[in-house]
Amino acid sequence: MQLSMTPFLLAIELGFCFFLTWHGHRREPGIGSLRPAYVFFVWLSLYAVTTSLLGYHGWYLREEVLRLLPGFWLQLVTVAAAVIPVLVSSALRQDLRQIVDATPWQWFAWFHALRIAALGTAVKTMTGEFPLYFEVFVGIPDLLFGISALWIAVLAGRGGISRRGFLLWNLVGVLVIVPSAPILLQLGLPGPFHVFTDLPDARAVYSYPMSIAPMIGVPLFVLVNLCVAWRLWERGRSERRAALSRPT
């Protein structure tokens, strides 16, 4: 097993989610215990452990799994595991609203600065351990987004970015990964869509501990982007409605 920052990065991501929940309750004690949010993040942590163990045992690289074109759908399992509870539970949605509202924008930006860790795959690419095509089309854009987070964090700390600007920046954080990454993953895996055949191919992405990134690490970043963008859009819509309903 190769030494990698990926497990530590995942631990920091999950720890950040728990910290924001604790901070939201501490800042606004009257909002309740935020128990649904805690349960949700425990669930995501258990899911993260499960997917990590599958990677450790080489499940993603099994021939029978590769035949199922996993690049196209495997990350959707993670998305479903995170999104379905949010869609089903109104209490969880309310908790997430309160957590986002209680969190300074610059904290979210500093969180996404962790994506600078994509520099590690750039190094692996130069040493022939990571697929070049995937680094060019996914790794480098993700790295640049992480670098932009440093600037956004400073701007947000000074109140120098609008809600619309911060919302759009979060959407960019989604678009550097979705939908290109899943498609490009499959194009580098054995099967009928195996376009990028030079070694190392995308099997390197599904090798442990790197497999943690596509299965839970990167989706967590994207899901935080989406959660913040959703809440900012929702607040903007509510304020526009309130403005229209005021008597002139």
Protein backbone atom coordinates (compact mmCIF):
# COMPACT_ATOMS: atom_id res chain seq x y z
CA MET A 1 0.00 0.00 0.00
CA GLN A 2 1.35 3.40 -0.99
CA LEU A 3 1.64 6.27 1.46
CA SER A 4 -1.12 8.75 0.67
CA MET A 5 -2.73 11.86 2.12
CA THR A 6 -6.14 10.70 0.93
CA PRO A 7 -7.29 8.96 4.16
CA PHE A 8 -6.19 11.97 6.23
CA LEU A 9 -7.96 14.34 3.84
CA LEU A 10 -11.16 12.34 4.19
CA ALA A 11 -10.88 12.46 7.99
CA ILE A 12 -10.51 16.26 7.83
CA GLU A 13 -13.55 16.56 5.53
CA LEU A 14 -15.76 14.51 7.82
CA GLY A 15 -14.40 16.29 10.88
CA PHE A 16 -15.28 19.62 9.28
CA CYS A 17 -18.89 18.49 8.81
CA PHE A 18 -19.19 17.49 12.47
CA PHE A 19 -17.49 20.71 13.56
CA LEU A 20 -19.92 22.86 11.57
CA THR A 21 -22.83 21.02 13.16
CA TRP A 22 -21.41 21.62 16.63
CA HIS A 23 -20.68 25.26 15.79
CA GLY A 24 -24.20 25.80 14.43
CA HIS A 25 -25.75 24.54 17.64
CA ARG A 26 -23.33 26.47 19.83
CA ARG A 27 -23.94 29.71 17.96
CA GLU A 28 -27.73 29.33 17.94
CA PRO A 29 -28.69 27.17 20.96
CA GLY A 30 -32.36 27.81 20.30
CA ILE A 31 -32.36 25.90 17.01
CA GLY A 32 -32.47 22.50 18.69
CA SER A 33 -30.02 19.64 18.99
CA LEU A 34 -29.35 19.24 15.23
CA ARG A 35 -29.63 15.51 15.88
CA PRO A 36 -30.74 14.68 12.31
CA ALA A 37 -27.56 16.36 11.01
CA TYR A 38 -25.36 14.42 13.43
CA VAL A 39 -27.05 11.16 12.42
CA PHE A 40 -26.59 12.06 8.76
CA PHE A 41 -22.87 12.69 9.16
CA VAL A 42 -22.45 9.48 11.17
CA TRP A 43 -24.14 7.68 8.27
CA LEU A 44 -21.77 9.32 5.77
CA SER A 45 -18.82 8.33 7.97
CA LEU A 46 -19.96 4.70 8.03
CA TYR A 47 -20.43 4.83 4.28
CA ALA A 48 -16.91 6.25 3.94
CA VAL A 49 -15.47 3.40 6.02
CA THR A 50 -17.36 0.84 3.92
CA THR A 51 -16.21 2.24 0.57
CA SER A 52 -12.65 2.53 1.88
CA LEU A 53 -12.64 -1.12 2.97
CA LEU A 54 -13.95 -2.16 -0.44
CA GLY A 55 -11.07 -0.28 -2.03
CA TYR A 56 -8.57 -1.80 0.39
CA HIS A 57 -9.71 -5.29 -0.61
CA GLY A 58 -9.49 -4.42 -4.32
CA TRP A 59 -13.20 -4.74 -5.00
CA TYR A 60 -13.31 -1.87 -7.52
CA LEU A 61 -10.66 -3.54 -9.66
CA ARG A 62 -12.31 -6.95 -9.86
CA GLU A 63 -12.99 -8.13 -13.38
CA GLU A 64 -16.69 -8.65 -12.70
CA VAL A 65 -16.98 -5.06 -11.44
CA LEU A 66 -15.04 -3.57 -14.35
CA ARG A 67 -17.39 -5.35 -16.77
CA LEU A 68 -20.26 -3.29 -15.31
CA LEU A 69 -18.71 0.02 -16.50
CA PRO A 70 -18.29 1.37 -12.94
CA GLY A 71 -16.96 4.76 -14.00
CA PHE A 72 -20.40 5.71 -15.29
CA TRP A 73 -22.36 4.87 -12.14
CA LEU A 74 -20.23 4.04 -9.09
CA GLN A 75 -20.01 7.63 -7.86
CA LEU A 76 -23.79 7.93 -8.24
CA VAL A 77 -24.11 5.45 -5.39
CA THR A 78 -22.30 7.95 -3.16
CA VAL A 79 -24.51 10.78 -4.39
CA ALA A 80 -27.61 8.71 -3.69
CA ALA A 81 -26.35 7.78 -0.22
CA ALA A 82 -26.00 11.48 0.59
CA VAL A 83 -28.91 13.02 -1.29
CA ILE A 84 -31.73 10.56 -0.56
CA PRO A 85 -31.72 11.25 3.22
CA VAL A 86 -31.85 14.99 2.48
CA LEU A 87 -34.79 14.57 0.10
CA VAL A 88 -36.67 12.31 2.51
CA SER A 89 -36.14 14.17 5.79
CA SER A 90 -37.48 17.70 6.18
CA ALA A 91 -35.82 17.85 9.62
CA LEU A 92 -32.44 17.14 8.04
CA ARG A 93 -32.99 19.80 5.39
CA GLN A 94 -33.81 22.31 8.10
CA ASP A 95 -30.67 21.36 10.03
CA LEU A 96 -28.53 21.82 6.92
CA ARG A 97 -30.10 25.23 6.33
CA GLN A 98 -29.23 26.26 9.87
CA ILE A 99 -25.69 24.94 9.60
CA VAL A 100 -25.02 26.85 6.37
CA ASP A 101 -26.60 30.02 7.77
CA ALA A 102 -24.43 29.83 10.91
CA THR A 103 -21.17 29.25 9.03
CA PRO A 104 -19.03 32.17 7.79
CA TRP A 105 -18.51 31.92 4.05
CA GLN A 106 -14.76 32.04 4.42
CA TRP A 107 -14.87 28.79 6.36
CA PHE A 108 -16.38 27.03 3.37
CA ALA A 109 -13.72 28.56 1.15
CA TRP A 110 -10.91 27.41 3.45
CA PHE A 111 -12.48 23.95 3.40
CA HIS A 112 -12.30 23.86 -0.40
CA ALA A 113 -8.69 25.02 -0.26
CA LEU A 114 -8.04 21.42 0.80
CA ARG A 115 -8.55 20.58 -2.86
CA ILE A 116 -5.02 21.87 -3.37
CA ALA A 117 -4.16 18.35 -2.24
CA ALA A 118 -4.80 17.48 -5.90
CA LEU A 119 -1.18 18.57 -6.27
CA GLY A 120 -0.38 15.06 -5.05
CA THR A 121 -1.84 13.51 -8.18
CA ALA A 122 0.19 15.95 -10.29
CA VAL A 123 3.33 14.63 -8.63
CA LYS A 124 2.18 11.04 -9.18
CA THR A 125 1.54 11.87 -12.84
CA MET A 126 5.10 13.11 -13.26
CA THR A 127 6.43 9.91 -11.67
CA GLY A 128 4.27 7.72 -13.91
CA GLU A 129 1.87 6.56 -11.18
CA PHE A 130 -1.28 8.40 -12.27
CA PRO A 131 -3.00 8.73 -15.69
CA LEU A 132 -1.93 11.87 -17.52
CA TYR A 133 -5.25 12.44 -19.29
CA PHE A 134 -7.19 12.36 -16.02
CA GLU A 135 -4.79 14.78 -14.37
CA VAL A 136 -5.06 17.22 -17.28
CA PHE A 137 -8.86 17.22 -17.51
CA VAL A 138 -9.83 16.71 -13.85
CA GLY A 139 -6.87 16.98 -11.48
CA ILE A 140 -5.53 20.33 -12.68
CA PRO A 141 -8.97 22.06 -12.80
CA ASP A 142 -9.65 20.76 -9.29
CA LEU A 143 -6.26 22.05 -8.14
CA LEU A 144 -6.96 25.47 -9.65
CA PHE A 145 -10.32 25.59 -7.90
CA GLY A 146 -8.56 24.82 -4.61
CA ILE A 147 -6.13 27.66 -5.24
CA SER A 148 -9.02 30.01 -6.05
CA ALA A 149 -10.50 29.11 -2.65
CA LEU A 150 -7.61 30.94 -0.96
CA TRP A 151 -8.56 34.16 -2.75
CA ILE A 152 -12.28 33.64 -2.13
CA ALA A 153 -11.62 33.03 1.58
CA VAL A 154 -9.83 36.37 1.88
CA LEU A 155 -12.58 38.15 -0.08
CA ALA A 156 -15.33 36.57 2.01
CA GLY A 157 -13.54 37.45 5.22
CA ARG A 158 -13.56 41.10 4.14
CA GLY A 159 -17.16 41.00 2.93
CA GLY A 160 -15.90 41.49 -0.60
CA ILE A 161 -18.00 38.89 -2.39
CA SER A 162 -21.73 38.96 -3.05
CA ARG A 163 -24.10 36.12 -2.37
CA ARG A 164 -24.53 35.62 -6.11
CA GLY A 165 -20.77 35.55 -6.59
CA PHE A 166 -20.27 33.00 -3.82
CA LEU A 167 -23.11 30.87 -5.17
CA LEU A 168 -21.61 30.87 -8.67
CA TRP A 169 -18.18 30.02 -7.29
CA ASN A 170 -19.65 26.99 -5.52
CA LEU A 171 -21.29 25.89 -8.75
CA VAL A 172 -17.91 26.11 -10.48
CA GLY A 173 -16.62 23.76 -7.78
CA VAL A 174 -19.25 21.26 -8.88
CA LEU A 175 -18.64 21.67 -12.60
CA VAL A 176 -14.90 20.98 -12.44
CA ILE A 177 -15.87 17.45 -11.36
CA VAL A 178 -19.36 16.79 -12.75
CA PRO A 179 -20.01 15.39 -15.31
CA SER A 180 -16.48 15.12 -16.71
CA ALA A 181 -14.82 13.01 -14.00
CA PRO A 182 -17.14 9.96 -14.12
CA ILE A 183 -17.11 9.89 -17.91
CA LEU A 184 -13.34 10.26 -18.11
CA LEU A 185 -12.90 7.55 -15.48
CA GLN A 186 -14.79 5.06 -17.61
CA LEU A 187 -12.87 6.08 -20.73
CA GLY A 188 -9.73 4.94 -18.93
CA LEU A 189 -11.05 1.57 -17.72
CA PRO A 190 -11.01 -1.76 -19.61
CA GLY A 191 -14.15 -2.34 -21.63
CA PRO A 192 -15.91 -1.10 -24.75
CA PHE A 193 -15.27 2.56 -23.88
CA HIS A 194 -11.56 2.16 -23.14
CA VAL A 195 -10.20 5.16 -25.06
CA PHE A 196 -7.23 6.19 -22.90
CA THR A 197 -5.25 2.95 -22.97
CA ASP A 198 -1.79 4.20 -22.02
CA LEU A 199 -0.61 2.92 -18.66
CA PRO A 200 -1.24 3.85 -15.97
CA ASP A 201 -4.91 4.06 -16.87
CA ALA A 202 -7.91 4.86 -14.66
CA ARG A 203 -7.40 1.67 -12.67
CA ALA A 204 -4.84 3.70 -10.74
CA VAL A 205 -7.71 5.93 -9.54
CA TYR A 206 -9.56 2.91 -8.13
CA SER A 207 -6.47 1.46 -6.43
CA TYR A 208 -6.37 1.87 -2.66
CA PRO A 209 -5.82 4.37 -1.06
CA MET A 210 -6.49 6.55 -4.11
CA SER A 211 -9.91 4.88 -4.42
CA ILE A 212 -11.06 6.89 -1.40
CA ALA A 213 -11.01 10.04 -3.54
CA PRO A 214 -13.52 9.09 -6.26
CA MET A 215 -15.74 7.10 -3.91
CA ILE A 216 -16.21 9.59 -1.07
CA GLY A 217 -13.50 12.27 -0.79
CA VAL A 218 -14.22 14.22 -3.96
CA PRO A 219 -18.01 13.68 -3.80
CA LEU A 220 -17.98 15.22 -0.31
CA PHE A 221 -16.39 18.39 -1.66
CA VAL A 222 -18.98 18.54 -4.44
CA LEU A 223 -21.86 17.88 -2.05
CA VAL A 224 -20.73 20.72 0.23
CA ASN A 225 -20.61 22.97 -2.85
CA LEU A 226 -24.14 21.94 -3.74
CA CYS A 227 -25.46 22.35 -0.21
CA VAL A 228 -24.11 25.89 0.07
CA ALA A 229 -25.32 26.85 -3.42
CA TRP A 230 -28.78 25.44 -2.68
CA ARG A 231 -29.09 27.40 0.56
CA LEU A 232 -27.85 30.65 -0.99
CA TRP A 233 -30.28 30.26 -3.88
CA GLU A 234 -33.11 29.50 -1.44
CA ARG A 235 -32.35 32.56 0.66
CA GLY A 236 -32.16 34.78 -2.39
CA ARG A 237 -35.50 33.51 -3.63
CA SER A 238 -37.11 34.09 -0.21
CA GLU A 239 -35.80 37.65 -0.07
CA ARG A 240 -37.07 38.41 -3.57
CA ARG A 241 -40.50 37.11 -2.66
CA ALA A 242 -40.51 39.16 0.54
CA ALA A 243 -39.54 42.28 -1.41
CA LEU A 244 -42.34 41.73 -3.92
CA SER A 245 -44.90 41.24 -1.16
CA ARG A 246 -44.07 44.51 0.61
CA PRO A 247 -46.61 47.28 0.06
CA THR A 248 -45.31 50.07 -2.14
